[in-house]
Amino acid sequence: MDQLLRALGLNLLGSLAARMPARVGTVVQLLLILVGSLLPLWPLWRGWIGLQDLLAYSTLWLAMSVAGSLIRLRTLAKQTDMSRFFTLHYAIMIGVLSLVCGVWSVILLFMAGVGGGWLALIPTALALLLANAWSLADGWFLRGGREVARVWQVVLPGYLRFVPVLLATVAGAVLIIGEYPLEYRFVAAAALVVVLTAIDLTLALASVRLTR
């Protein structure tokens, strides 16, 4: 496990989180989620990116979620036949479905054209990556989340995150292929950002309650 933590850079984050009170660590995580989740609204509002760009980006967001859940499943303090089964099931089920959404998002991205503001999504992606890493280092390993979490509490977030991405991909295909007005695409993209933000914040607060 120590090798895994070093490889992911979580030891450094864990040592930093250990110097902070638990509440401060929670605030840091929530701020990272807010920044990482809501930043796309600015380039979207300015017209630098479109629905097709956010669909591709949301697939990356989902991939980070899947990776985080698999790490949690593999590092649960109590490994059972059920946890090992769900590790395999989750990797196949959510992993393959996320891949399908990813392929569709790339197709739609090329059909509608890549927006000129993709660089604006890089800080967003970095903030979300740091938020996921902080959650693992602080809440999961340092605060003992891996000691008290149950299997369903680890796999449920993946399903909650996959559903809006799937629905957005289907809606995006209809709006883009059907050549609906850009205003419709803007509403769909903004709704996707808000829903994903709400899910991440809710799950973060739930994990805080879990480790108290």
N, C-alpha and C. Protein backbone atom coordinates (compact mmCIF):
# COMPACT_ATOMS: atom_id res chain seq x y z
N MET A 1 0.83 -1.20 0.00
CA MET A 1 0.00 0.00 0.00
C MET A 1 0.87 1.26 0.00
N ASP A 2 1.99 1.22 0.75
CA ASP A 2 2.88 2.37 0.78
C ASP A 2 3.42 2.69 -0.60
N GLN A 3 3.71 1.63 -1.39
CA GLN A 3 4.20 1.85 -2.75
C GLN A 3 3.14 2.52 -3.60
N LEU A 4 1.86 2.10 -3.41
CA LEU A 4 0.76 2.71 -4.15
C LEU A 4 0.63 4.18 -3.79
N LEU A 5 0.70 4.49 -2.51
CA LEU A 5 0.57 5.87 -2.08
C LEU A 5 1.69 6.74 -2.63
N ARG A 6 2.91 6.21 -2.62
CA ARG A 6 4.04 6.98 -3.16
C ARG A 6 3.88 7.18 -4.66
N ALA A 7 3.44 6.14 -5.37
CA ALA A 7 3.28 6.24 -6.82
C ALA A 7 2.25 7.30 -7.20
N LEU A 8 1.21 7.42 -6.40
CA LEU A 8 0.15 8.39 -6.69
C LEU A 8 0.42 9.76 -6.09
N GLY A 9 1.51 9.89 -5.34
CA GLY A 9 1.81 11.15 -4.71
C GLY A 9 0.93 11.46 -3.51
N LEU A 10 0.26 10.43 -2.98
CA LEU A 10 -0.68 10.66 -1.89
C LEU A 10 0.02 10.81 -0.54
N ASN A 11 1.25 10.28 -0.45
CA ASN A 11 1.99 10.46 0.81
C ASN A 11 2.24 11.94 1.09
N LEU A 12 2.58 12.69 0.04
CA LEU A 12 2.85 14.11 0.20
C LEU A 12 1.58 14.85 0.62
N LEU A 13 0.47 14.54 -0.06
CA LEU A 13 -0.79 15.18 0.31
C LEU A 13 -1.22 14.77 1.71
N GLY A 14 -0.99 13.49 2.05
CA GLY A 14 -1.36 13.00 3.37
C GLY A 14 -0.58 13.70 4.48
N SER A 15 0.71 13.93 4.24
CA SER A 15 1.51 14.63 5.25
C SER A 15 1.07 16.07 5.40
N LEU A 16 0.64 16.67 4.29
CA LEU A 16 0.13 18.04 4.36
C LEU A 16 -1.20 18.09 5.09
N ALA A 17 -2.08 17.14 4.79
CA ALA A 17 -3.39 17.10 5.45
C ALA A 17 -3.25 16.81 6.94
N ALA A 18 -2.23 16.02 7.31
CA ALA A 18 -2.04 15.67 8.72
C ALA A 18 -1.69 16.88 9.57
N ARG A 19 -1.16 17.93 8.94
CA ARG A 19 -0.80 19.14 9.69
C ARG A 19 -2.02 20.05 9.90
N MET A 20 -3.13 19.69 9.29
CA MET A 20 -4.32 20.53 9.37
C MET A 20 -5.38 19.88 10.25
N PRO A 21 -6.21 20.68 10.89
CA PRO A 21 -7.39 20.11 11.55
C PRO A 21 -8.31 19.48 10.51
N ALA A 22 -9.10 18.51 10.95
CA ALA A 22 -9.98 17.80 10.03
C ALA A 22 -10.91 18.75 9.28
N ARG A 23 -11.41 19.77 9.98
CA ARG A 23 -12.34 20.70 9.34
C ARG A 23 -11.66 21.48 8.22
N VAL A 24 -10.42 21.87 8.44
CA VAL A 24 -9.68 22.61 7.42
C VAL A 24 -9.47 21.73 6.19
N GLY A 25 -9.11 20.47 6.42
CA GLY A 25 -8.95 19.54 5.30
C GLY A 25 -10.23 19.38 4.51
N THR A 26 -11.36 19.35 5.21
CA THR A 26 -12.66 19.24 4.53
C THR A 26 -12.94 20.47 3.70
N VAL A 27 -12.65 21.65 4.25
CA VAL A 27 -12.87 22.90 3.52
C VAL A 27 -12.00 22.94 2.25
N VAL A 28 -10.75 22.48 2.37
CA VAL A 28 -9.86 22.44 1.21
C VAL A 28 -10.46 21.57 0.11
N GLN A 29 -10.95 20.40 0.49
CA GLN A 29 -11.53 19.50 -0.49
C GLN A 29 -12.77 20.11 -1.15
N LEU A 30 -13.64 20.71 -0.35
CA LEU A 30 -14.86 21.31 -0.91
C LEU A 30 -14.53 22.47 -1.85
N LEU A 31 -13.52 23.27 -1.49
CA LEU A 31 -13.12 24.38 -2.36
C LEU A 31 -12.56 23.86 -3.69
N LEU A 32 -11.76 22.79 -3.62
CA LEU A 32 -11.22 22.20 -4.84
C LEU A 32 -12.34 21.69 -5.73
N ILE A 33 -13.35 21.06 -5.11
CA ILE A 33 -14.48 20.55 -5.89
C ILE A 33 -15.25 21.69 -6.55
N LEU A 34 -15.50 22.75 -5.78
CA LEU A 34 -16.24 23.89 -6.32
C LEU A 34 -15.49 24.52 -7.49
N VAL A 35 -14.19 24.73 -7.29
CA VAL A 35 -13.40 25.34 -8.35
C VAL A 35 -13.35 24.43 -9.57
N GLY A 36 -13.03 23.16 -9.33
CA GLY A 36 -12.90 22.23 -10.44
C GLY A 36 -14.20 21.96 -11.17
N SER A 37 -15.32 22.03 -10.46
CA SER A 37 -16.61 21.70 -11.07
C SER A 37 -17.25 22.89 -11.77
N LEU A 38 -17.10 24.07 -11.19
CA LEU A 38 -17.82 25.23 -11.72
C LEU A 38 -17.02 26.06 -12.71
N LEU A 39 -15.71 25.87 -12.77
CA LEU A 39 -14.89 26.65 -13.70
C LEU A 39 -15.36 26.55 -15.16
N PRO A 40 -15.84 25.38 -15.63
CA PRO A 40 -16.26 25.31 -17.03
C PRO A 40 -17.39 26.27 -17.39
N LEU A 41 -18.13 26.77 -16.40
CA LEU A 41 -19.24 27.68 -16.71
C LEU A 41 -18.73 28.99 -17.34
N TRP A 42 -17.52 29.42 -16.95
CA TRP A 42 -16.99 30.67 -17.49
C TRP A 42 -16.69 30.56 -18.99
N PRO A 43 -15.86 29.61 -19.44
CA PRO A 43 -15.64 29.52 -20.89
C PRO A 43 -16.90 29.14 -21.66
N LEU A 44 -17.82 28.43 -21.00
CA LEU A 44 -19.09 28.09 -21.65
C LEU A 44 -19.90 29.37 -21.87
N TRP A 45 -19.97 30.21 -20.86
CA TRP A 45 -20.72 31.46 -20.97
C TRP A 45 -20.10 32.39 -22.01
N ARG A 46 -18.78 32.39 -22.08
CA ARG A 46 -18.08 33.25 -23.04
C ARG A 46 -18.13 32.70 -24.46
N GLY A 47 -18.60 31.47 -24.61
CA GLY A 47 -18.69 30.87 -25.94
C GLY A 47 -17.40 30.24 -26.43
N TRP A 48 -16.44 30.06 -25.52
CA TRP A 48 -15.16 29.47 -25.91
C TRP A 48 -15.27 27.95 -26.09
N ILE A 49 -16.18 27.34 -25.35
CA ILE A 49 -16.40 25.90 -25.46
C ILE A 49 -17.90 25.66 -25.65
N GLY A 50 -18.25 24.45 -26.06
CA GLY A 50 -19.65 24.11 -26.27
C GLY A 50 -20.00 22.80 -25.59
N LEU A 51 -21.21 22.34 -25.85
CA LEU A 51 -21.68 21.09 -25.25
C LEU A 51 -20.77 19.94 -25.59
N GLN A 52 -20.32 19.89 -26.84
CA GLN A 52 -19.46 18.77 -27.27
C GLN A 52 -18.16 18.73 -26.48
N ASP A 53 -17.62 19.89 -26.15
CA ASP A 53 -16.39 19.95 -25.36
C ASP A 53 -16.63 19.45 -23.94
N LEU A 54 -17.75 19.86 -23.35
CA LEU A 54 -18.06 19.45 -21.98
C LEU A 54 -18.37 17.96 -21.89
N LEU A 55 -18.95 17.40 -22.94
CA LEU A 55 -19.21 15.96 -22.93
C LEU A 55 -17.89 15.18 -22.90
N ALA A 56 -16.94 15.62 -23.71
CA ALA A 56 -15.62 14.97 -23.70
C ALA A 56 -14.94 15.16 -22.35
N TYR A 57 -15.06 16.37 -21.80
CA TYR A 57 -14.45 16.64 -20.50
C TYR A 57 -15.10 15.81 -19.40
N SER A 58 -16.44 15.67 -19.44
CA SER A 58 -17.14 14.90 -18.41
C SER A 58 -16.73 13.43 -18.43
N THR A 59 -16.31 12.94 -19.60
CA THR A 59 -15.82 11.57 -19.68
C THR A 59 -14.51 11.43 -18.92
N LEU A 60 -13.65 12.45 -19.02
CA LEU A 60 -12.42 12.45 -18.23
C LEU A 60 -12.74 12.50 -16.73
N TRP A 61 -13.72 13.31 -16.38
CA TRP A 61 -14.17 13.41 -14.98
C TRP A 61 -14.65 12.05 -14.49
N LEU A 62 -15.39 11.34 -15.33
CA LEU A 62 -15.90 10.03 -14.96
C LEU A 62 -14.75 9.02 -14.82
N ALA A 63 -13.76 9.13 -15.68
CA ALA A 63 -12.61 8.23 -15.61
C ALA A 63 -11.87 8.41 -14.29
N MET A 64 -11.72 9.66 -13.82
CA MET A 64 -11.09 9.90 -12.52
C MET A 64 -11.92 9.29 -11.39
N SER A 65 -13.24 9.37 -11.52
CA SER A 65 -14.13 8.78 -10.51
C SER A 65 -13.96 7.27 -10.46
N VAL A 66 -13.91 6.63 -11.63
CA VAL A 66 -13.75 5.18 -11.69
C VAL A 66 -12.42 4.77 -11.08
N ALA A 67 -11.35 5.49 -11.42
CA ALA A 67 -10.03 5.17 -10.87
C ALA A 67 -10.03 5.31 -9.35
N GLY A 68 -10.64 6.37 -8.83
CA GLY A 68 -10.69 6.57 -7.39
C GLY A 68 -11.47 5.47 -6.68
N SER A 69 -12.58 5.05 -7.27
CA SER A 69 -13.39 3.99 -6.66
C SER A 69 -12.65 2.66 -6.66
N LEU A 70 -11.93 2.36 -7.73
CA LEU A 70 -11.17 1.11 -7.79
C LEU A 70 -10.04 1.10 -6.76
N ILE A 71 -9.40 2.25 -6.56
CA ILE A 71 -8.36 2.34 -5.53
C ILE A 71 -8.97 2.09 -4.16
N ARG A 72 -10.14 2.66 -3.91
CA ARG A 72 -10.81 2.46 -2.62
C ARG A 72 -11.19 1.00 -2.43
N LEU A 73 -11.70 0.37 -3.47
CA LEU A 73 -12.08 -1.04 -3.36
C LEU A 73 -10.87 -1.92 -3.07
N ARG A 74 -9.75 -1.60 -3.70
CA ARG A 74 -8.55 -2.42 -3.51
C ARG A 74 -7.88 -2.17 -2.16
N THR A 75 -8.18 -1.02 -1.52
CA THR A 75 -7.51 -0.69 -0.27
C THR A 75 -8.45 -0.71 0.93
N LEU A 76 -9.65 -1.25 0.76
CA LEU A 76 -10.53 -1.43 1.91
C LEU A 76 -9.80 -2.22 2.99
N ALA A 77 -9.97 -1.81 4.23
CA ALA A 77 -9.26 -2.49 5.32
C ALA A 77 -9.67 -3.95 5.42
N LYS A 78 -10.95 -4.21 5.18
CA LYS A 78 -11.45 -5.57 5.27
C LYS A 78 -11.80 -6.08 3.88
N GLN A 79 -10.90 -6.89 3.33
CA GLN A 79 -11.12 -7.47 2.01
C GLN A 79 -11.90 -8.78 2.15
N THR A 80 -13.02 -8.86 1.44
CA THR A 80 -13.85 -10.06 1.46
C THR A 80 -14.10 -10.52 0.04
N ASP A 81 -14.77 -11.68 -0.08
CA ASP A 81 -15.14 -12.15 -1.41
C ASP A 81 -16.07 -11.16 -2.10
N MET A 82 -16.93 -10.51 -1.32
CA MET A 82 -17.85 -9.53 -1.90
C MET A 82 -17.10 -8.31 -2.43
N SER A 83 -16.14 -7.81 -1.66
CA SER A 83 -15.38 -6.65 -2.12
C SER A 83 -14.58 -6.98 -3.36
N ARG A 84 -14.00 -8.19 -3.42
CA ARG A 84 -13.24 -8.58 -4.60
C ARG A 84 -14.16 -8.75 -5.81
N PHE A 85 -15.37 -9.28 -5.58
CA PHE A 85 -16.34 -9.42 -6.67
C PHE A 85 -16.74 -8.06 -7.22
N PHE A 86 -17.02 -7.11 -6.32
CA PHE A 86 -17.45 -5.80 -6.77
C PHE A 86 -16.32 -5.03 -7.42
N THR A 87 -15.09 -5.31 -7.04
CA THR A 87 -13.96 -4.68 -7.73
C THR A 87 -13.95 -5.08 -9.19
N LEU A 88 -14.12 -6.40 -9.45
CA LEU A 88 -14.16 -6.89 -10.82
C LEU A 88 -15.41 -6.39 -11.54
N HIS A 89 -16.56 -6.47 -10.86
CA HIS A 89 -17.82 -6.04 -11.45
C HIS A 89 -17.77 -4.55 -11.81
N TYR A 90 -17.27 -3.76 -10.88
CA TYR A 90 -17.22 -2.31 -11.10
C TYR A 90 -16.29 -1.97 -12.25
N ALA A 91 -15.13 -2.62 -12.28
CA ALA A 91 -14.17 -2.35 -13.35
C ALA A 91 -14.76 -2.67 -14.72
N ILE A 92 -15.51 -3.78 -14.80
CA ILE A 92 -16.08 -4.18 -16.08
C ILE A 92 -17.32 -3.35 -16.41
N MET A 93 -18.24 -3.25 -15.44
CA MET A 93 -19.53 -2.60 -15.69
C MET A 93 -19.36 -1.11 -15.95
N ILE A 94 -18.89 -0.38 -14.96
CA ILE A 94 -18.77 1.07 -15.10
C ILE A 94 -17.63 1.43 -16.05
N GLY A 95 -16.55 0.65 -16.01
CA GLY A 95 -15.42 0.93 -16.89
C GLY A 95 -15.81 0.85 -18.36
N VAL A 96 -16.50 -0.23 -18.74
CA VAL A 96 -16.91 -0.40 -20.14
C VAL A 96 -17.96 0.64 -20.54
N LEU A 97 -18.93 0.88 -19.67
CA LEU A 97 -19.95 1.88 -19.98
C LEU A 97 -19.35 3.28 -20.12
N SER A 98 -18.37 3.58 -19.27
CA SER A 98 -17.69 4.87 -19.38
C SER A 98 -16.93 4.96 -20.70
N LEU A 99 -16.34 3.84 -21.11
CA LEU A 99 -15.63 3.82 -22.39
C LEU A 99 -16.58 4.08 -23.55
N VAL A 100 -17.78 3.50 -23.49
CA VAL A 100 -18.78 3.72 -24.54
C VAL A 100 -19.16 5.20 -24.60
N CYS A 101 -19.41 5.80 -23.43
CA CYS A 101 -19.72 7.23 -23.39
C CYS A 101 -18.55 8.05 -23.94
N GLY A 102 -17.34 7.61 -23.63
CA GLY A 102 -16.16 8.32 -24.12
C GLY A 102 -16.06 8.28 -25.63
N VAL A 103 -16.33 7.13 -26.21
CA VAL A 103 -16.27 6.99 -27.68
C VAL A 103 -17.31 7.90 -28.32
N TRP A 104 -18.53 7.89 -27.75
CA TRP A 104 -19.60 8.74 -28.28
C TRP A 104 -19.24 10.22 -28.15
N SER A 105 -18.66 10.60 -27.02
CA SER A 105 -18.31 12.01 -26.82
C SER A 105 -17.26 12.46 -27.82
N VAL A 106 -16.32 11.57 -28.15
CA VAL A 106 -15.29 11.91 -29.14
C VAL A 106 -15.93 12.06 -30.53
N ILE A 107 -16.86 11.16 -30.86
CA ILE A 107 -17.56 11.26 -32.15
C ILE A 107 -18.31 12.59 -32.25
N LEU A 108 -19.04 12.94 -31.17
CA LEU A 108 -19.79 14.19 -31.17
C LEU A 108 -18.85 15.40 -31.20
N LEU A 109 -17.69 15.26 -30.56
CA LEU A 109 -16.72 16.35 -30.55
C LEU A 109 -16.24 16.64 -31.96
N PHE A 110 -15.98 15.60 -32.74
CA PHE A 110 -15.52 15.80 -34.11
C PHE A 110 -16.65 16.26 -35.02
N MET A 111 -17.87 15.80 -34.73
CA MET A 111 -19.01 16.23 -35.55
C MET A 111 -19.30 17.71 -35.37
N ALA A 112 -19.30 18.18 -34.11
CA ALA A 112 -19.64 19.58 -33.83
C ALA A 112 -18.43 20.49 -33.92
N GLY A 113 -17.24 19.92 -33.82
CA GLY A 113 -16.03 20.74 -33.88
C GLY A 113 -15.51 21.08 -32.49
N VAL A 114 -14.21 20.98 -32.33
CA VAL A 114 -13.59 21.29 -31.05
C VAL A 114 -13.64 22.79 -30.80
N GLY A 115 -14.09 23.17 -29.59
CA GLY A 115 -14.14 24.59 -29.25
C GLY A 115 -12.75 25.18 -29.14
N GLY A 116 -12.66 26.49 -29.28
CA GLY A 116 -11.35 27.13 -29.24
C GLY A 116 -10.83 27.36 -27.83
N GLY A 117 -11.66 27.05 -26.82
CA GLY A 117 -11.26 27.34 -25.45
C GLY A 117 -10.93 26.12 -24.63
N TRP A 118 -10.46 25.07 -25.27
CA TRP A 118 -10.16 23.84 -24.54
C TRP A 118 -9.10 24.05 -23.46
N LEU A 119 -8.19 25.00 -23.70
CA LEU A 119 -7.15 25.27 -22.71
C LEU A 119 -7.75 25.74 -21.39
N ALA A 120 -8.96 26.34 -21.47
CA ALA A 120 -9.61 26.81 -20.25
C ALA A 120 -10.05 25.66 -19.35
N LEU A 121 -10.12 24.45 -19.92
CA LEU A 121 -10.54 23.28 -19.14
C LEU A 121 -9.36 22.62 -18.41
N ILE A 122 -8.14 23.00 -18.77
CA ILE A 122 -6.97 22.37 -18.13
C ILE A 122 -6.91 22.70 -16.63
N PRO A 123 -7.06 23.98 -16.21
CA PRO A 123 -7.08 24.24 -14.76
C PRO A 123 -8.21 23.51 -14.05
N THR A 124 -9.35 23.37 -14.75
CA THR A 124 -10.48 22.64 -14.18
C THR A 124 -10.11 21.19 -13.93
N ALA A 125 -9.51 20.56 -14.92
CA ALA A 125 -9.12 19.17 -14.78
C ALA A 125 -8.09 18.98 -13.68
N LEU A 126 -7.15 19.90 -13.58
CA LEU A 126 -6.12 19.82 -12.53
C LEU A 126 -6.74 19.96 -11.14
N ALA A 127 -7.71 20.88 -11.02
CA ALA A 127 -8.38 21.07 -9.73
C ALA A 127 -9.16 19.82 -9.33
N LEU A 128 -9.84 19.21 -10.28
CA LEU A 128 -10.60 17.99 -9.97
C LEU A 128 -9.67 16.83 -9.64
N LEU A 129 -8.56 16.73 -10.36
CA LEU A 129 -7.58 15.68 -10.07
C LEU A 129 -7.03 15.85 -8.66
N LEU A 130 -6.73 17.08 -8.29
CA LEU A 130 -6.22 17.35 -6.94
C LEU A 130 -7.29 17.08 -5.89
N ALA A 131 -8.55 17.41 -6.21
CA ALA A 131 -9.65 17.16 -5.27
C ALA A 131 -9.81 15.67 -5.01
N ASN A 132 -9.72 14.85 -6.08
CA ASN A 132 -9.82 13.40 -5.91
C ASN A 132 -8.64 12.86 -5.10
N ALA A 133 -7.44 13.35 -5.40
CA ALA A 133 -6.26 12.89 -4.68
C ALA A 133 -6.33 13.31 -3.21
N TRP A 134 -6.81 14.52 -2.96
CA TRP A 134 -6.94 15.00 -1.58
C TRP A 134 -7.95 14.15 -0.81
N SER A 135 -9.05 13.81 -1.45
CA SER A 135 -10.07 12.98 -0.81
C SER A 135 -9.51 11.62 -0.40
N LEU A 136 -8.69 11.04 -1.28
CA LEU A 136 -8.07 9.75 -0.96
C LEU A 136 -7.06 9.89 0.18
N ALA A 137 -6.19 10.89 0.07
CA ALA A 137 -5.13 11.04 1.06
C ALA A 137 -5.69 11.43 2.43
N ASP A 138 -6.66 12.35 2.44
CA ASP A 138 -7.17 12.88 3.70
C ASP A 138 -8.27 12.00 4.29
N GLY A 139 -9.40 11.95 3.61
CA GLY A 139 -10.55 11.23 4.17
C GLY A 139 -10.42 9.73 4.17
N TRP A 140 -9.82 9.17 3.11
CA TRP A 140 -9.79 7.72 2.98
C TRP A 140 -8.68 7.08 3.80
N PHE A 141 -7.46 7.59 3.66
CA PHE A 141 -6.32 6.98 4.35
C PHE A 141 -6.05 7.62 5.72
N LEU A 142 -5.93 8.96 5.75
CA LEU A 142 -5.54 9.62 6.99
C LEU A 142 -6.64 9.58 8.04
N ARG A 143 -7.88 9.90 7.67
CA ARG A 143 -9.00 9.98 8.62
C ARG A 143 -9.69 8.65 8.85
N GLY A 144 -9.23 7.59 8.18
CA GLY A 144 -9.74 6.26 8.47
C GLY A 144 -10.98 5.85 7.73
N GLY A 145 -11.25 6.48 6.58
CA GLY A 145 -12.41 6.09 5.81
C GLY A 145 -12.36 4.65 5.36
N ARG A 146 -11.17 4.16 5.04
CA ARG A 146 -11.03 2.78 4.57
C ARG A 146 -11.32 1.76 5.67
N GLU A 147 -11.30 2.21 6.91
CA GLU A 147 -11.55 1.30 8.02
C GLU A 147 -13.05 1.10 8.27
N VAL A 148 -13.87 2.09 7.92
CA VAL A 148 -15.29 2.04 8.27
C VAL A 148 -16.21 1.93 7.06
N ALA A 149 -15.70 2.19 5.86
CA ALA A 149 -16.57 2.19 4.68
C ALA A 149 -17.03 0.77 4.34
N ARG A 150 -18.23 0.70 3.82
CA ARG A 150 -18.77 -0.56 3.30
C ARG A 150 -18.67 -0.55 1.78
N VAL A 151 -18.79 -1.75 1.21
CA VAL A 151 -18.61 -1.87 -0.24
C VAL A 151 -19.60 -1.00 -1.00
N TRP A 152 -20.86 -1.01 -0.59
CA TRP A 152 -21.87 -0.25 -1.34
C TRP A 152 -21.60 1.24 -1.28
N GLN A 153 -20.97 1.71 -0.19
CA GLN A 153 -20.66 3.13 -0.07
C GLN A 153 -19.53 3.53 -1.02
N VAL A 154 -18.74 2.55 -1.45
CA VAL A 154 -17.65 2.82 -2.38
C VAL A 154 -18.14 2.78 -3.83
N VAL A 155 -19.01 1.82 -4.15
CA VAL A 155 -19.43 1.66 -5.54
C VAL A 155 -20.59 2.59 -5.93
N LEU A 156 -21.42 2.98 -4.96
CA LEU A 156 -22.58 3.82 -5.28
C LEU A 156 -22.21 5.13 -5.96
N PRO A 157 -21.16 5.85 -5.52
CA PRO A 157 -20.82 7.11 -6.20
C PRO A 157 -20.57 6.94 -7.70
N GLY A 158 -19.97 5.82 -8.09
CA GLY A 158 -19.71 5.60 -9.50
C GLY A 158 -20.98 5.55 -10.32
N TYR A 159 -22.00 4.88 -9.79
CA TYR A 159 -23.28 4.81 -10.49
C TYR A 159 -23.96 6.18 -10.51
N LEU A 160 -23.89 6.90 -9.40
CA LEU A 160 -24.50 8.22 -9.34
C LEU A 160 -23.85 9.18 -10.33
N ARG A 161 -22.55 9.03 -10.53
CA ARG A 161 -21.85 9.91 -11.46
C ARG A 161 -22.06 9.47 -12.91
N PHE A 162 -22.24 8.18 -13.12
CA PHE A 162 -22.37 7.70 -14.49
C PHE A 162 -23.70 8.10 -15.12
N VAL A 163 -24.78 8.07 -14.33
CA VAL A 163 -26.12 8.32 -14.87
C VAL A 163 -26.22 9.68 -15.56
N PRO A 164 -25.83 10.81 -14.91
CA PRO A 164 -25.95 12.09 -15.62
C PRO A 164 -25.06 12.20 -16.84
N VAL A 165 -23.89 11.57 -16.81
CA VAL A 165 -23.02 11.60 -17.99
C VAL A 165 -23.66 10.84 -19.13
N LEU A 166 -24.28 9.69 -18.83
CA LEU A 166 -24.96 8.91 -19.86
C LEU A 166 -26.13 9.71 -20.45
N LEU A 167 -26.96 10.30 -19.58
CA LEU A 167 -28.10 11.08 -20.06
C LEU A 167 -27.64 12.29 -20.87
N ALA A 168 -26.56 12.93 -20.42
CA ALA A 168 -26.04 14.09 -21.15
C ALA A 168 -25.49 13.68 -22.51
N THR A 169 -24.87 12.50 -22.58
CA THR A 169 -24.34 12.03 -23.85
C THR A 169 -25.47 11.75 -24.84
N VAL A 170 -26.55 11.12 -24.34
CA VAL A 170 -27.70 10.86 -25.20
C VAL A 170 -28.34 12.17 -25.65
N ALA A 171 -28.55 13.09 -24.69
CA ALA A 171 -29.13 14.38 -25.03
C ALA A 171 -28.22 15.16 -25.99
N GLY A 172 -26.92 15.08 -25.75
CA GLY A 172 -25.98 15.76 -26.63
C GLY A 172 -26.02 15.22 -28.05
N ALA A 173 -26.15 13.90 -28.18
CA ALA A 173 -26.25 13.30 -29.51
C ALA A 173 -27.49 13.81 -30.24
N VAL A 174 -28.61 13.88 -29.51
CA VAL A 174 -29.85 14.38 -30.12
C VAL A 174 -29.70 15.84 -30.55
N LEU A 175 -29.12 16.67 -29.66
CA LEU A 175 -29.02 18.10 -29.94
C LEU A 175 -28.01 18.40 -31.05
N ILE A 176 -26.90 17.65 -31.06
CA ILE A 176 -25.85 17.93 -32.05
C ILE A 176 -26.19 17.34 -33.41
N ILE A 177 -26.60 16.07 -33.42
CA ILE A 177 -26.95 15.44 -34.69
C ILE A 177 -28.21 16.07 -35.28
N GLY A 178 -29.15 16.42 -34.39
CA GLY A 178 -30.37 17.07 -34.86
C GLY A 178 -30.20 18.53 -35.20
N GLU A 179 -28.98 19.08 -34.99
CA GLU A 179 -28.67 20.47 -35.31
C GLU A 179 -29.64 21.45 -34.65
N TYR A 180 -29.89 21.21 -33.37
CA TYR A 180 -30.73 22.12 -32.61
C TYR A 180 -29.98 23.43 -32.35
N PRO A 181 -30.71 24.51 -32.01
CA PRO A 181 -30.05 25.80 -31.77
C PRO A 181 -28.99 25.72 -30.67
N LEU A 182 -28.01 26.61 -30.75
CA LEU A 182 -26.93 26.62 -29.78
C LEU A 182 -27.44 26.92 -28.37
N GLU A 183 -28.55 27.65 -28.29
CA GLU A 183 -29.10 27.96 -26.97
C GLU A 183 -29.50 26.69 -26.23
N TYR A 184 -30.05 25.71 -26.94
CA TYR A 184 -30.44 24.44 -26.33
C TYR A 184 -29.20 23.70 -25.82
N ARG A 185 -28.15 23.74 -26.62
CA ARG A 185 -26.91 23.07 -26.22
C ARG A 185 -26.31 23.74 -24.99
N PHE A 186 -26.40 25.07 -24.95
CA PHE A 186 -25.87 25.80 -23.80
C PHE A 186 -26.60 25.40 -22.52
N VAL A 187 -27.93 25.31 -22.58
CA VAL A 187 -28.71 24.93 -21.41
C VAL A 187 -28.34 23.51 -20.96
N ALA A 188 -28.20 22.60 -21.92
CA ALA A 188 -27.84 21.22 -21.59
C ALA A 188 -26.45 21.16 -20.95
N ALA A 189 -25.50 21.91 -21.50
CA ALA A 189 -24.14 21.91 -20.96
C ALA A 189 -24.10 22.51 -19.55
N ALA A 190 -24.79 23.62 -19.35
CA ALA A 190 -24.81 24.25 -18.02
C ALA A 190 -25.48 23.34 -17.01
N ALA A 191 -26.56 22.67 -17.42
CA ALA A 191 -27.24 21.74 -16.51
C ALA A 191 -26.32 20.59 -16.12
N LEU A 192 -25.53 20.10 -17.07
CA LEU A 192 -24.58 19.01 -16.78
C LEU A 192 -23.56 19.46 -15.74
N VAL A 193 -23.03 20.67 -15.89
CA VAL A 193 -22.03 21.18 -14.94
C VAL A 193 -22.64 21.29 -13.54
N VAL A 194 -23.84 21.83 -13.45
CA VAL A 194 -24.49 22.02 -12.15
C VAL A 194 -24.77 20.68 -11.49
N VAL A 195 -25.27 19.71 -12.27
CA VAL A 195 -25.60 18.39 -11.71
C VAL A 195 -24.34 17.69 -11.21
N LEU A 196 -23.27 17.71 -12.00
CA LEU A 196 -22.02 17.07 -11.59
C LEU A 196 -21.45 17.72 -10.33
N THR A 197 -21.57 19.06 -10.25
CA THR A 197 -21.09 19.76 -9.06
C THR A 197 -21.88 19.34 -7.83
N ALA A 198 -23.21 19.27 -7.97
CA ALA A 198 -24.06 18.87 -6.85
C ALA A 198 -23.74 17.46 -6.38
N ILE A 199 -23.50 16.56 -7.33
CA ILE A 199 -23.17 15.17 -6.97
C ILE A 199 -21.86 15.10 -6.21
N ASP A 200 -20.84 15.79 -6.72
CA ASP A 200 -19.52 15.75 -6.07
C ASP A 200 -19.57 16.35 -4.67
N LEU A 201 -20.28 17.46 -4.51
CA LEU A 201 -20.38 18.08 -3.19
C LEU A 201 -21.14 17.19 -2.22
N THR A 202 -22.23 16.59 -2.68
CA THR A 202 -23.01 15.69 -1.83
C THR A 202 -22.19 14.49 -1.39
N LEU A 203 -21.45 13.90 -2.31
CA LEU A 203 -20.63 12.74 -1.98
C LEU A 203 -19.49 13.13 -1.03
N ALA A 204 -18.92 14.31 -1.23
CA ALA A 204 -17.84 14.76 -0.34
C ALA A 204 -18.36 14.95 1.08
N LEU A 205 -19.53 15.58 1.22
CA LEU A 205 -20.11 15.77 2.55
C LEU A 205 -20.49 14.44 3.19
N ALA A 206 -20.96 13.50 2.38
CA ALA A 206 -21.30 12.17 2.90
C ALA A 206 -20.06 11.46 3.40
N SER A 207 -18.94 11.62 2.70
CA SER A 207 -17.70 10.97 3.14
C SER A 207 -17.19 11.57 4.44
N VAL A 208 -17.43 12.87 4.63
CA VAL A 208 -17.04 13.52 5.89
C VAL A 208 -17.82 12.93 7.04
N ARG A 209 -19.11 12.75 6.88
CA ARG A 209 -19.94 12.16 7.91
C ARG A 209 -19.52 10.73 8.20
N LEU A 210 -19.04 10.05 7.16
CA LEU A 210 -18.61 8.65 7.32
C LEU A 210 -17.42 8.53 8.26
N THR A 211 -16.50 9.49 8.20
CA THR A 211 -15.26 9.38 8.98
C THR A 211 -15.34 10.06 10.33
N ARG A 212 -16.47 10.59 10.70
CA ARG A 212 -16.59 11.22 12.02
C ARG A 212 -16.86 10.17 13.09
